Amino acid sequence: GNTTIKEGTKIDNQVHIGHDTVIGKK
């Protein structure tokens, strides 16, 4: 499937996000 980062989210340096994770808005 998809790993998804939704609208308006802000992510700092050196962050790891694993497979198929969904991060919501803002």
PDB file of all heavy atoms in Angstrom:
ATOM      1  N   GLY A   1       0.824  -1.207   0.000  1.00  0.00           N
ATOM      2  CA  GLY A   1       0.000   0.000   0.000  1.00  0.00           C
ATOM      3  C   GLY A   1       0.854   1.252   0.000  1.00  0.00           C
ATOM      4  O   GLY A   1       1.967   1.266  -0.529  1.00  0.00           O
ATOM      5  N   ASN A   2       0.344   2.299   0.645  1.00  0.00           N
ATOM      6  CA  ASN A   2       1.027   3.592   0.646  1.00  0.00           C
ATOM      7  C   ASN A   2       1.424   4.014   2.051  1.00  0.00           C
ATOM      8  O   ASN A   2       0.649   3.856   2.999  1.00  0.00           O
ATOM      9  CB  ASN A   2       0.104   4.672   0.063  1.00  0.00           C
ATOM     10  CG  ASN A   2      -0.263   4.403  -1.375  1.00  0.00           C
ATOM     11  OD1 ASN A   2       0.581   4.071  -2.191  1.00  0.00           O
ATOM     12  ND2 ASN A   2      -1.541   4.535  -1.692  1.00  0.00           N
ATOM     13  N   THR A   3       2.622   4.555   2.169  1.00  0.00           N
ATOM     14  CA  THR A   3       2.994   5.336   3.347  1.00  0.00           C
ATOM     15  C   THR A   3       2.544   6.762   3.055  1.00  0.00           C
ATOM     16  O   THR A   3       2.891   7.314   2.012  1.00  0.00           O
ATOM     17  CB  THR A   3       4.506   5.285   3.577  1.00  0.00           C
ATOM     18  OG1 THR A   3       4.911   3.914   3.705  1.00  0.00           O
ATOM     19  CG2 THR A   3       4.897   6.063   4.827  1.00  0.00           C
ATOM     20  N   THR A   4       1.771   7.356   3.970  1.00  0.00           N
ATOM     21  CA  THR A   4       1.097   8.620   3.665  1.00  0.00           C
ATOM     22  C   THR A   4       1.370   9.673   4.726  1.00  0.00           C
ATOM     23  O   THR A   4       1.281   9.396   5.925  1.00  0.00           O
ATOM     24  CB  THR A   4      -0.428   8.397   3.561  1.00  0.00           C
ATOM     25  OG1 THR A   4      -0.691   7.398   2.580  1.00  0.00           O
ATOM     26  CG2 THR A   4      -1.147   9.676   3.185  1.00  0.00           C
ATOM     27  N   ILE A   5       1.702  10.883   4.259  1.00  0.00           N
ATOM     28  CA  ILE A   5       1.818  12.047   5.146  1.00  0.00           C
ATOM     29  C   ILE A   5       0.807  13.068   4.647  1.00  0.00           C
ATOM     30  O   ILE A   5       0.904  13.555   3.520  1.00  0.00           O
ATOM     31  CB  ILE A   5       3.235  12.619   5.152  1.00  0.00           C
ATOM     32  CG1 ILE A   5       4.227  11.548   5.630  1.00  0.00           C
ATOM     33  CG2 ILE A   5       3.321  13.851   6.051  1.00  0.00           C
ATOM     34  CD1 ILE A   5       5.667  11.964   5.562  1.00  0.00           C
ATOM     35  N   LYS A   6      -0.148  13.401   5.489  1.00  0.00           N
ATOM     36  CA  LYS A   6      -1.276  14.205   5.033  1.00  0.00           C
ATOM     37  C   LYS A   6      -1.009  15.708   5.143  1.00  0.00           C
ATOM     38  O   LYS A   6      -0.010  16.157   5.707  1.00  0.00           O
ATOM     39  CB  LYS A   6      -2.539  13.811   5.803  1.00  0.00           C
ATOM     40  CG  LYS A   6      -2.981  12.383   5.494  1.00  0.00           C
ATOM     41  CD  LYS A   6      -4.325  12.053   6.116  1.00  0.00           C
ATOM     42  CE  LYS A   6      -4.766  10.641   5.728  1.00  0.00           C
ATOM     43  NZ  LYS A   6      -6.085  10.303   6.322  1.00  0.00           N
ATOM     44  N   GLU A   7      -1.921  16.451   4.603  1.00  0.00           N
ATOM     45  CA  GLU A   7      -1.800  17.893   4.371  1.00  0.00           C
ATOM     46  C   GLU A   7      -1.406  18.672   5.629  1.00  0.00           C
ATOM     47  O   GLU A   7      -1.972  18.479   6.702  1.00  0.00           O
ATOM     48  CB  GLU A   7      -3.132  18.429   3.852  1.00  0.00           C
ATOM     49  CG  GLU A   7      -3.125  19.901   3.507  1.00  0.00           C
ATOM     50  CD  GLU A   7      -4.438  20.376   2.924  1.00  0.00           C
ATOM     51  OE1 GLU A   7      -5.339  19.528   2.713  1.00  0.00           O
ATOM     52  OE2 GLU A   7      -4.586  21.573   2.675  1.00  0.00           O
ATOM     53  N   GLY A   8      -0.418  19.541   5.457  1.00  0.00           N
ATOM     54  CA  GLY A   8      -0.055  20.493   6.493  1.00  0.00           C
ATOM     55  C   GLY A   8       0.852  19.980   7.579  1.00  0.00           C
ATOM     56  O   GLY A   8       1.197  20.719   8.504  1.00  0.00           O
ATOM     57  N   THR A   9       1.289  18.732   7.510  1.00  0.00           N
ATOM     58  CA  THR A   9       2.169  18.182   8.539  1.00  0.00           C
ATOM     59  C   THR A   9       3.600  18.695   8.353  1.00  0.00           C
ATOM     60  O   THR A   9       4.082  18.844   7.236  1.00  0.00           O
ATOM     61  CB  THR A   9       2.118  16.644   8.511  1.00  0.00           C
ATOM     62  OG1 THR A   9       0.901  16.230   9.118  1.00  0.00           O
ATOM     63  CG2 THR A   9       3.282  16.016   9.242  1.00  0.00           C
ATOM     64  N   LYS A  10       4.263  18.943   9.477  1.00  0.00           N
ATOM     65  CA  LYS A  10       5.637  19.463   9.469  1.00  0.00           C
ATOM     66  C   LYS A  10       6.537  18.494  10.235  1.00  0.00           C
ATOM     67  O   LYS A  10       6.260  18.158  11.392  1.00  0.00           O
ATOM     68  CB  LYS A  10       5.693  20.846  10.117  1.00  0.00           C
ATOM     69  CG  LYS A  10       4.616  21.832   9.633  1.00  0.00           C
ATOM     70  CD  LYS A  10       4.707  22.138   8.148  1.00  0.00           C
ATOM     71  CE  LYS A  10       3.623  23.128   7.720  1.00  0.00           C
ATOM     72  NZ  LYS A  10       3.622  23.378   6.258  1.00  0.00           N
ATOM     73  N   ILE A  11       7.624  18.090   9.571  1.00  0.00           N
ATOM     74  CA  ILE A  11       8.521  17.092  10.140  1.00  0.00           C
ATOM     75  C   ILE A  11       9.944  17.637  10.173  1.00  0.00           C
ATOM     76  O   ILE A  11      10.447  18.149   9.181  1.00  0.00           O
ATOM     77  CB  ILE A  11       8.448  15.782   9.329  1.00  0.00           C
ATOM     78  CG1 ILE A  11       7.030  15.202   9.433  1.00  0.00           C
ATOM     79  CG2 ILE A  11       9.481  14.779   9.810  1.00  0.00           C
ATOM     80  CD1 ILE A  11       6.806  13.948   8.631  1.00  0.00           C
ATOM     81  N   ASP A  12      10.571  17.527  11.328  1.00  0.00           N
ATOM     82  CA  ASP A  12      11.907  18.060  11.590  1.00  0.00           C
ATOM     83  C   ASP A  12      12.977  17.154  10.956  1.00  0.00           C
ATOM     84  O   ASP A  12      12.680  16.172  10.273  1.00  0.00           O
ATOM     85  CB  ASP A  12      12.082  18.164  13.103  1.00  0.00           C
ATOM     86  CG  ASP A  12      13.227  19.059  13.526  1.00  0.00           C
ATOM     87  OD1 ASP A  12      13.888  19.657  12.655  1.00  0.00           O
ATOM     88  OD2 ASP A  12      13.468  19.160  14.749  1.00  0.00           O
ATOM     89  N   ASN A  13      14.235  17.470  11.214  1.00  0.00           N
ATOM     90  CA  ASN A  13      15.368  16.718  10.679  1.00  0.00           C
ATOM     91  C   ASN A  13      15.474  15.320  11.309  1.00  0.00           C
ATOM     92  O   ASN A  13      15.071  15.102  12.448  1.00  0.00           O
ATOM     93  CB  ASN A  13      16.678  17.463  10.953  1.00  0.00           C
ATOM     94  CG  ASN A  13      16.670  18.873  10.429  1.00  0.00           C
ATOM     95  OD1 ASN A  13      16.147  19.138   9.353  1.00  0.00           O
ATOM     96  ND2 ASN A  13      17.238  19.791  11.182  1.00  0.00           N
ATOM     97  N   GLN A  14      16.045  14.406  10.554  1.00  0.00           N
ATOM     98  CA  GLN A  14      16.443  13.072  11.042  1.00  0.00           C
ATOM     99  C   GLN A  14      15.294  12.297  11.677  1.00  0.00           C
ATOM    100  O   GLN A  14      15.430  11.685  12.733  1.00  0.00           O
ATOM    101  CB  GLN A  14      17.611  13.206  12.029  1.00  0.00           C
ATOM    102  CG  GLN A  14      18.860  13.785  11.381  1.00  0.00           C
ATOM    103  CD  GLN A  14      20.006  13.911  12.346  1.00  0.00           C
ATOM    104  OE1 GLN A  14      19.829  14.271  13.509  1.00  0.00           O
ATOM    105  NE2 GLN A  14      21.198  13.607  11.881  1.00  0.00           N
ATOM    106  N   VAL A  15      14.170  12.298  11.018  1.00  0.00           N
ATOM    107  CA  VAL A  15      13.011  11.516  11.453  1.00  0.00           C
ATOM    108  C   VAL A  15      12.873  10.305  10.529  1.00  0.00           C
ATOM    109  O   VAL A  15      13.023  10.424   9.314  1.00  0.00           O
ATOM    110  CB  VAL A  15      11.726  12.360  11.410  1.00  0.00           C
ATOM    111  CG1 VAL A  15      10.481  11.503  11.621  1.00  0.00           C
ATOM    112  CG2 VAL A  15      11.792  13.471  12.457  1.00  0.00           C
ATOM    113  N   HIS A  16      12.593   9.149  11.123  1.00  0.00           N
ATOM    114  CA  HIS A  16      12.341   7.946  10.316  1.00  0.00           C
ATOM    115  C   HIS A  16      10.884   7.535  10.423  1.00  0.00           C
ATOM    116  O   HIS A  16      10.319   7.465  11.522  1.00  0.00           O
ATOM    117  CB  HIS A  16      13.207   6.773  10.755  1.00  0.00           C
ATOM    118  CG  HIS A  16      12.875   5.513  10.004  1.00  0.00           C
ATOM    119  ND1 HIS A  16      13.202   5.341   8.674  1.00  0.00           N
ATOM    120  CD2 HIS A  16      12.195   4.400  10.374  1.00  0.00           C
ATOM    121  CE1 HIS A  16      12.753   4.166   8.267  1.00  0.00           C
ATOM    122  NE2 HIS A  16      12.134   3.576   9.277  1.00  0.00           N
ATOM    123  N   ILE A  17      10.267   7.223   9.272  1.00  0.00           N
ATOM    124  CA  ILE A  17       8.874   6.776   9.225  1.00  0.00           C
ATOM    125  C   ILE A  17       8.828   5.451   8.475  1.00  0.00           C
ATOM    126  O   ILE A  17       9.262   5.356   7.327  1.00  0.00           O
ATOM    127  CB  ILE A  17       7.982   7.820   8.538  1.00  0.00           C
ATOM    128  CG1 ILE A  17       8.016   9.134   9.345  1.00  0.00           C
ATOM    129  CG2 ILE A  17       6.545   7.308   8.399  1.00  0.00           C
ATOM    130  CD1 ILE A  17       7.366  10.292   8.647  1.00  0.00           C
ATOM    131  N   GLY A  18       8.300   4.425   9.125  1.00  0.00           N
ATOM    132  CA  GLY A  18       8.284   3.086   8.566  1.00  0.00           C
ATOM    133  C   GLY A  18       7.169   2.860   7.551  1.00  0.00           C
ATOM    134  O   GLY A  18       6.278   3.694   7.359  1.00  0.00           O
ATOM    135  N   HIS A  19       7.217   1.695   6.934  1.00  0.00           N
ATOM    136  CA  HIS A  19       6.331   1.342   5.826  1.00  0.00           C
ATOM    137  C   HIS A  19       4.850   1.351   6.229  1.00  0.00           C
ATOM    138  O   HIS A  19       4.485   0.955   7.329  1.00  0.00           O
ATOM    139  CB  HIS A  19       6.701  -0.034   5.277  1.00  0.00           C
ATOM    140  CG  HIS A  19       6.415  -1.173   6.231  1.00  0.00           C
ATOM    141  ND1 HIS A  19       5.224  -1.857   6.236  1.00  0.00           N
ATOM    142  CD2 HIS A  19       7.170  -1.729   7.209  1.00  0.00           C
ATOM    143  CE1 HIS A  19       5.248  -2.795   7.162  1.00  0.00           C
ATOM    144  NE2 HIS A  19       6.421  -2.736   7.773  1.00  0.00           N
ATOM    145  N   ASP A  20       4.013   1.830   5.329  1.00  0.00           N
ATOM    146  CA  ASP A  20       2.552   1.789   5.463  1.00  0.00           C
ATOM    147  C   ASP A  20       2.011   2.634   6.616  1.00  0.00           C
ATOM    148  O   ASP A  20       0.830   2.533   6.945  1.00  0.00           O
ATOM    149  CB  ASP A  20       2.058   0.342   5.608  1.00  0.00           C
ATOM    150  CG  ASP A  20       2.339  -0.491   4.374  1.00  0.00           C
ATOM    151  OD1 ASP A  20       1.616  -0.333   3.381  1.00  0.00           O
ATOM    152  OD2 ASP A  20       3.294  -1.293   4.405  1.00  0.00           O
ATOM    153  N   THR A  21       2.854   3.440   7.215  1.00  0.00           N
ATOM    154  CA  THR A  21       2.374   4.336   8.270  1.00  0.00           C
ATOM    155  C   THR A  21       1.601   5.492   7.640  1.00  0.00           C
ATOM    156  O   THR A  21       1.937   5.972   6.562  1.00  0.00           O
ATOM    157  CB  THR A  21       3.563   4.843   9.109  1.00  0.00           C
ATOM    158  OG1 THR A  21       3.978   3.786   9.988  1.00  0.00           O
ATOM    159  CG2 THR A  21       3.228   6.066   9.928  1.00  0.00           C
ATOM    160  N   VAL A  22       0.562   5.930   8.345  1.00  0.00           N
ATOM    161  CA  VAL A  22      -0.244   7.059   7.894  1.00  0.00           C
ATOM    162  C   VAL A  22      -0.186   8.145   8.957  1.00  0.00           C
ATOM    163  O   VAL A  22      -0.561   7.916  10.110  1.00  0.00           O
ATOM    164  CB  VAL A  22      -1.711   6.650   7.653  1.00  0.00           C
ATOM    165  CG1 VAL A  22      -2.551   7.862   7.250  1.00  0.00           C
ATOM    166  CG2 VAL A  22      -1.797   5.574   6.581  1.00  0.00           C
ATOM    167  N   ILE A  23       0.314   9.316   8.568  1.00  0.00           N
ATOM    168  CA  ILE A  23       0.404  10.457   9.472  1.00  0.00           C
ATOM    169  C   ILE A  23      -0.648  11.475   9.047  1.00  0.00           C
ATOM    170  O   ILE A  23      -0.719  11.865   7.888  1.00  0.00           O
ATOM    171  CB  ILE A  23       1.811  11.063   9.457  1.00  0.00           C
ATOM    172  CG1 ILE A  23       2.815  10.027   9.970  1.00  0.00           C
ATOM    173  CG2 ILE A  23       1.879  12.343  10.289  1.00  0.00           C
ATOM    174  CD1 ILE A  23       4.244  10.463   9.946  1.00  0.00           C
ATOM    175  N   GLY A  24      -1.461  11.911   9.987  1.00  0.00           N
ATOM    176  CA  GLY A  24      -2.610  12.754   9.692  1.00  0.00           C
ATOM    177  C   GLY A  24      -2.262  14.180   9.337  1.00  0.00           C
ATOM    178  O   GLY A  24      -1.099  14.554   9.144  1.00  0.00           O
ATOM    179  N   LYS A  25      -3.282  15.014   9.292  1.00  0.00           N
ATOM    180  CA  LYS A  25      -3.143  16.421   8.913  1.00  0.00           C
ATOM    181  C   LYS A  25      -2.592  17.252  10.076  1.00  0.00           C
ATOM    182  O   LYS A  25      -2.903  17.010  11.236  1.00  0.00           O
ATOM    183  CB  LYS A  25      -4.494  16.985   8.490  1.00  0.00           C
ATOM    184  CG  LYS A  25      -5.084  16.335   7.252  1.00  0.00           C
ATOM    185  CD  LYS A  25      -6.437  16.953   6.911  1.00  0.00           C
ATOM    186  CE  LYS A  25      -7.023  16.307   5.662  1.00  0.00           C
ATOM    187  NZ  LYS A  25      -8.333  16.889   5.299  1.00  0.00           N
ATOM    188  N   LYS A  26      -1.751  18.227   9.721  1.00  0.00           N
ATOM    189  CA  LYS A  26      -1.256  19.253  10.649  1.00  0.00           C
ATOM    190  C   LYS A  26      -0.604  18.668  11.899  1.00  0.00           C
ATOM    191  O   LYS A  26      -0.782  19.162  13.000  1.00  0.00           O
ATOM    192  CB  LYS A  26      -2.380  20.212  11.027  1.00  0.00           C
ATOM    193  CG  LYS A  26      -2.880  21.037   9.839  1.00  0.00           C
ATOM    194  CD  LYS A  26      -3.823  22.150  10.252  1.00  0.00           C
ATOM    195  CE  LYS A  26      -5.172  21.654  10.652  1.00  0.00           C
ATOM    196  NZ  LYS A  26      -6.127  22.738  10.933  1.00  0.00           N
TER     197      LYS A  26
END
